Amino acid sequence: MKNLEHENEYHKAYSEFIKNNFSEKVQSKIPTIKMPTPTANGVTASVIKYCTFRGWHAERVNVTGRQKYDHKTKKMVWIKTNSRKGSADIHAIINGRAVMIEVKVGKDRMSDKQKEYAASVQKAGGEYLIIHSFDDFYNYLKTKNLLTI
């Protein structure tokens, strides 16, 4: 049987967020929320949304750079990022804890730069998580007693 405990917590946090941030009149017009898909993007989105619902800070970090149209050459060019190589997918502050979260789904594995980054975060006193699903993130919160709203 599927474990729905983490989904129940996700929906509970969403309901509390709506209740605390919107009037009763508006609340009735806000749709229910579904768990994002279990892809890397879906897991990343669910963690960031959940942190937002709880009043914590979380942001996605783009380490791939971006494309830009170069008007002189009339071509798309790639602009490198200023982010540190190996940086985690999500940087969060959870109840005063600096938590860097790397999302790995399927056969995706840590690179050497990501391993170096993880060691650097831990050496500095931060926490570094590797998660494969929202359930992994939920279990981290549960072991740290961070689930009380």
C-alpha atoms as a PDB file:
ATOM      1  CA  MET A   1       0.000   0.000   0.000  1.00  0.00           C
ATOM      2  CA  LYS A   2       1.232   3.473  -0.867  1.00  0.00           C
ATOM      3  CA  ASN A   3       2.445   5.625   2.046  1.00  0.00           C
ATOM      4  CA  LEU A   4       0.383   8.831   1.931  1.00  0.00           C
ATOM      5  CA  GLU A   5       1.787  10.372   5.109  1.00  0.00           C
ATOM      6  CA  HIS A   6       4.025  12.810   3.209  1.00  0.00           C
ATOM      7  CA  GLU A   7       1.174  13.797   0.854  1.00  0.00           C
ATOM      8  CA  ASN A   8      -1.114  14.433   3.825  1.00  0.00           C
ATOM      9  CA  GLU A   9       1.535  16.696   5.380  1.00  0.00           C
ATOM     10  CA  TYR A  10       1.970  18.553   2.073  1.00  0.00           C
ATOM     11  CA  HIS A  11      -1.780  19.209   1.834  1.00  0.00           C
ATOM     12  CA  LYS A  12      -1.988  20.153   5.532  1.00  0.00           C
ATOM     13  CA  ALA A  13       0.785  22.742   5.115  1.00  0.00           C
ATOM     14  CA  TYR A  14      -0.925  24.107   1.981  1.00  0.00           C
ATOM     15  CA  SER A  15      -4.259  24.427   3.810  1.00  0.00           C
ATOM     16  CA  GLU A  16      -2.628  26.262   6.710  1.00  0.00           C
ATOM     17  CA  PHE A  17      -0.821  28.569   4.280  1.00  0.00           C
ATOM     18  CA  ILE A  18      -4.098  29.453   2.537  1.00  0.00           C
ATOM     19  CA  LYS A  19      -5.900  29.911   5.859  1.00  0.00           C
ATOM     20  CA  ASN A  20      -3.181  32.220   7.233  1.00  0.00           C
ATOM     21  CA  ASN A  21      -2.653  34.305   4.092  1.00  0.00           C
ATOM     22  CA  PHE A  22      -6.062  34.778   2.480  1.00  0.00           C
ATOM     23  CA  SER A  23      -9.478  35.973   3.591  1.00  0.00           C
ATOM     24  CA  GLU A  24     -12.308  33.440   3.946  1.00  0.00           C
ATOM     25  CA  LYS A  25     -13.960  34.928   0.876  1.00  0.00           C
ATOM     26  CA  VAL A  26     -10.867  34.313  -1.233  1.00  0.00           C
ATOM     27  CA  GLN A  27     -10.070  30.926   0.337  1.00  0.00           C
ATOM     28  CA  SER A  28     -13.151  29.309  -1.176  1.00  0.00           C
ATOM     29  CA  LYS A  29     -11.958  30.272  -4.676  1.00  0.00           C
ATOM     30  CA  ILE A  30      -8.456  28.830  -4.341  1.00  0.00           C
ATOM     31  CA  PRO A  31      -8.173  25.390  -5.943  1.00  0.00           C
ATOM     32  CA  THR A  32      -6.860  22.365  -4.111  1.00  0.00           C
ATOM     33  CA  ILE A  33      -3.266  21.455  -4.792  1.00  0.00           C
ATOM     34  CA  LYS A  34      -1.896  18.239  -6.245  1.00  0.00           C
ATOM     35  CA  MET A  35       1.475  16.702  -5.528  1.00  0.00           C
ATOM     36  CA  PRO A  36       3.833  17.524  -8.400  1.00  0.00           C
ATOM     37  CA  THR A  37       5.053  14.680 -10.595  1.00  0.00           C
ATOM     38  CA  PRO A  38       7.940  12.530  -9.303  1.00  0.00           C
ATOM     39  CA  THR A  39      10.395  13.920 -11.884  1.00  0.00           C
ATOM     40  CA  ALA A  40      13.445  15.952 -10.843  1.00  0.00           C
ATOM     41  CA  ASN A  41      11.548  19.168 -11.655  1.00  0.00           C
ATOM     42  CA  GLY A  42       8.463  17.932  -9.794  1.00  0.00           C
ATOM     43  CA  VAL A  43      10.418  16.963  -6.676  1.00  0.00           C
ATOM     44  CA  THR A  44      12.244  20.302  -6.735  1.00  0.00           C
ATOM     45  CA  ALA A  45       8.946  22.192  -7.090  1.00  0.00           C
ATOM     46  CA  SER A  46       7.271  20.244  -4.278  1.00  0.00           C
ATOM     47  CA  VAL A  47      10.142  20.948  -1.855  1.00  0.00           C
ATOM     48  CA  ILE A  48      10.199  24.666  -2.673  1.00  0.00           C
ATOM     49  CA  LYS A  49       6.412  24.960  -2.421  1.00  0.00           C
ATOM     50  CA  TYR A  50       6.308  23.058   0.866  1.00  0.00           C
ATOM     51  CA  CYS A  51       9.007  25.309   2.344  1.00  0.00           C
ATOM     52  CA  THR A  52       6.990  28.342   1.231  1.00  0.00           C
ATOM     53  CA  PHE A  53       3.834  26.929   2.835  1.00  0.00           C
ATOM     54  CA  ARG A  54       5.739  26.513   6.105  1.00  0.00           C
ATOM     55  CA  GLY A  55       7.171  30.051   6.025  1.00  0.00           C
ATOM     56  CA  TRP A  56      10.719  28.886   5.347  1.00  0.00           C
ATOM     57  CA  HIS A  57      12.997  30.178   2.617  1.00  0.00           C
ATOM     58  CA  ALA A  58      13.831  27.997  -0.388  1.00  0.00           C
ATOM     59  CA  GLU A  59      15.000  28.797  -3.883  1.00  0.00           C
ATOM     60  CA  ARG A  60      16.018  26.875  -6.951  1.00  0.00           C
ATOM     61  CA  VAL A  61      19.577  27.462  -8.091  1.00  0.00           C
ATOM     62  CA  ASN A  62      20.291  27.515 -11.815  1.00  0.00           C
ATOM     63  CA  VAL A  63      23.835  26.297 -12.409  1.00  0.00           C
ATOM     64  CA  THR A  64      23.546  25.686 -16.144  1.00  0.00           C
ATOM     65  CA  GLY A  65      23.593  29.270 -17.392  1.00  0.00           C
ATOM     66  CA  ARG A  66      21.185  30.597 -20.004  1.00  0.00           C
ATOM     67  CA  GLN A  67      20.758  31.400 -23.657  1.00  0.00           C
ATOM     68  CA  LYS A  68      20.594  34.937 -24.981  1.00  0.00           C
ATOM     69  CA  TYR A  69      20.091  36.369 -28.452  1.00  0.00           C
ATOM     70  CA  ASP A  70      23.192  38.196 -29.692  1.00  0.00           C
ATOM     71  CA  HIS A  71      21.996  41.039 -31.936  1.00  0.00           C
ATOM     72  CA  LYS A  72      25.449  41.515 -33.505  1.00  0.00           C
ATOM     73  CA  THR A  73      25.833  37.916 -34.685  1.00  0.00           C
ATOM     74  CA  LYS A  74      22.074  37.323 -34.944  1.00  0.00           C
ATOM     75  CA  LYS A  75      22.518  34.000 -33.140  1.00  0.00           C
ATOM     76  CA  MET A  76      21.623  32.504 -29.797  1.00  0.00           C
ATOM     77  CA  VAL A  77      24.652  32.411 -27.501  1.00  0.00           C
ATOM     78  CA  TRP A  78      25.211  30.581 -24.227  1.00  0.00           C
ATOM     79  CA  ILE A  79      26.017  32.681 -21.160  1.00  0.00           C
ATOM     80  CA  LYS A  80      27.786  30.875 -18.337  1.00  0.00           C
ATOM     81  CA  THR A  81      26.334  31.072 -14.850  1.00  0.00           C
ATOM     82  CA  ASN A  82      28.024  32.813 -11.932  1.00  0.00           C
ATOM     83  CA  SER A  83      26.927  30.014  -9.599  1.00  0.00           C
ATOM     84  CA  ARG A  84      29.532  27.774  -8.042  1.00  0.00           C
ATOM     85  CA  LYS A  85      30.046  24.492  -9.900  1.00  0.00           C
ATOM     86  CA  GLY A  86      28.418  21.621  -8.050  1.00  0.00           C
ATOM     87  CA  SER A  87      25.971  23.879  -6.193  1.00  0.00           C
ATOM     88  CA  ALA A  88      22.866  22.118  -4.885  1.00  0.00           C
ATOM     89  CA  ASP A  89      19.546  22.381  -6.738  1.00  0.00           C
ATOM     90  CA  ILE A  90      17.794  24.009  -3.771  1.00  0.00           C
ATOM     91  CA  HIS A  91      19.184  26.382  -1.160  1.00  0.00           C
ATOM     92  CA  ALA A  92      16.911  26.587   1.870  1.00  0.00           C
ATOM     93  CA  ILE A  93      16.747  28.009   5.357  1.00  0.00           C
ATOM     94  CA  ILE A  94      14.590  25.772   7.532  1.00  0.00           C
ATOM     95  CA  ASN A  95      14.018  26.940  11.100  1.00  0.00           C
ATOM     96  CA  GLY A  96      17.344  28.783  11.020  1.00  0.00           C
ATOM     97  CA  ARG A  97      19.255  25.856   9.480  1.00  0.00           C
ATOM     98  CA  ALA A  98      21.104  26.304   6.196  1.00  0.00           C
ATOM     99  CA  VAL A  99      20.063  23.264   4.154  1.00  0.00           C
ATOM    100  CA  MET A 100      21.319  22.601   0.639  1.00  0.00           C
ATOM    101  CA  ILE A 101      19.263  20.002  -1.224  1.00  0.00           C
ATOM    102  CA  GLU A 102      20.389  18.039  -4.254  1.00  0.00           C
ATOM    103  CA  VAL A 103      17.604  16.283  -6.186  1.00  0.00           C
ATOM    104  CA  LYS A 104      18.566  13.032  -7.910  1.00  0.00           C
ATOM    105  CA  VAL A 105      15.886  11.047  -9.728  1.00  0.00           C
ATOM    106  CA  GLY A 106      16.314   7.831 -11.690  1.00  0.00           C
ATOM    107  CA  LYS A 107      19.896   7.006 -12.647  1.00  0.00           C
ATOM    108  CA  ASP A 108      21.193  10.527 -11.939  1.00  0.00           C
ATOM    109  CA  ARG A 109      24.311  10.467  -9.714  1.00  0.00           C
ATOM    110  CA  MET A 110      26.472  13.034  -7.903  1.00  0.00           C
ATOM    111  CA  SER A 111      29.364  14.550  -9.866  1.00  0.00           C
ATOM    112  CA  ASP A 112      32.771  15.100  -8.275  1.00  0.00           C
ATOM    113  CA  LYS A 113      32.051  18.859  -8.130  1.00  0.00           C
ATOM    114  CA  GLN A 114      28.769  18.169  -6.303  1.00  0.00           C
ATOM    115  CA  LYS A 115      30.589  15.948  -3.797  1.00  0.00           C
ATOM    116  CA  GLU A 116      33.130  18.733  -3.199  1.00  0.00           C
ATOM    117  CA  TYR A 117      30.326  21.244  -2.747  1.00  0.00           C
ATOM    118  CA  ALA A 118      28.537  18.949  -0.262  1.00  0.00           C
ATOM    119  CA  ALA A 119      31.719  18.594   1.801  1.00  0.00           C
ATOM    120  CA  SER A 120      32.206  22.374   1.773  1.00  0.00           C
ATOM    121  CA  VAL A 121      28.652  22.992   3.027  1.00  0.00           C
ATOM    122  CA  GLN A 122      29.015  20.431   5.812  1.00  0.00           C
ATOM    123  CA  LYS A 123      32.442  21.756   6.834  1.00  0.00           C
ATOM    124  CA  ALA A 124      30.884  25.224   7.175  1.00  0.00           C
ATOM    125  CA  GLY A 125      28.157  23.847   9.474  1.00  0.00           C
ATOM    126  CA  GLY A 126      25.345  23.610   6.943  1.00  0.00           C
ATOM    127  CA  GLU A 127      23.300  20.544   6.120  1.00  0.00           C
ATOM    128  CA  TYR A 128      23.428  18.841   2.736  1.00  0.00           C
ATOM    129  CA  LEU A 129      20.695  16.468   1.590  1.00  0.00           C
ATOM    130  CA  ILE A 130      20.449  14.195  -1.399  1.00  0.00           C
ATOM    131  CA  ILE A 131      16.808  13.369  -2.070  1.00  0.00           C
ATOM    132  CA  HIS A 132      15.112  11.216  -4.679  1.00  0.00           C
ATOM    133  CA  SER A 133      11.509  12.141  -3.836  1.00  0.00           C
ATOM    134  CA  PHE A 134       9.411  14.458  -1.696  1.00  0.00           C
ATOM    135  CA  ASP A 135       9.101  11.501   0.691  1.00  0.00           C
ATOM    136  CA  ASP A 136      12.877  11.660   1.314  1.00  0.00           C
ATOM    137  CA  PHE A 137      12.569  15.347   2.205  1.00  0.00           C
ATOM    138  CA  TYR A 138       9.594  14.605   4.449  1.00  0.00           C
ATOM    139  CA  ASN A 139      11.585  11.896   6.252  1.00  0.00           C
ATOM    140  CA  TYR A 140      14.444  14.368   6.837  1.00  0.00           C
ATOM    141  CA  LEU A 141      11.996  16.837   8.400  1.00  0.00           C
ATOM    142  CA  LYS A 142      10.501  14.066  10.503  1.00  0.00           C
ATOM    143  CA  THR A 143      13.883  12.927  11.873  1.00  0.00           C
ATOM    144  CA  LYS A 144      14.754  16.562  12.752  1.00  0.00           C
ATOM    145  CA  ASN A 145      11.347  17.127  14.440  1.00  0.00           C
ATOM    146  CA  LEU A 146      10.482  19.947  12.017  1.00  0.00           C
ATOM    147  CA  LEU A 147       6.950  18.861  11.071  1.00  0.00           C
ATOM    148  CA  THR A 148       4.948  20.708  13.692  1.00  0.00           C
ATOM    149  CA  ILE A 149       3.004  23.614  12.210  1.00  0.00           C
END
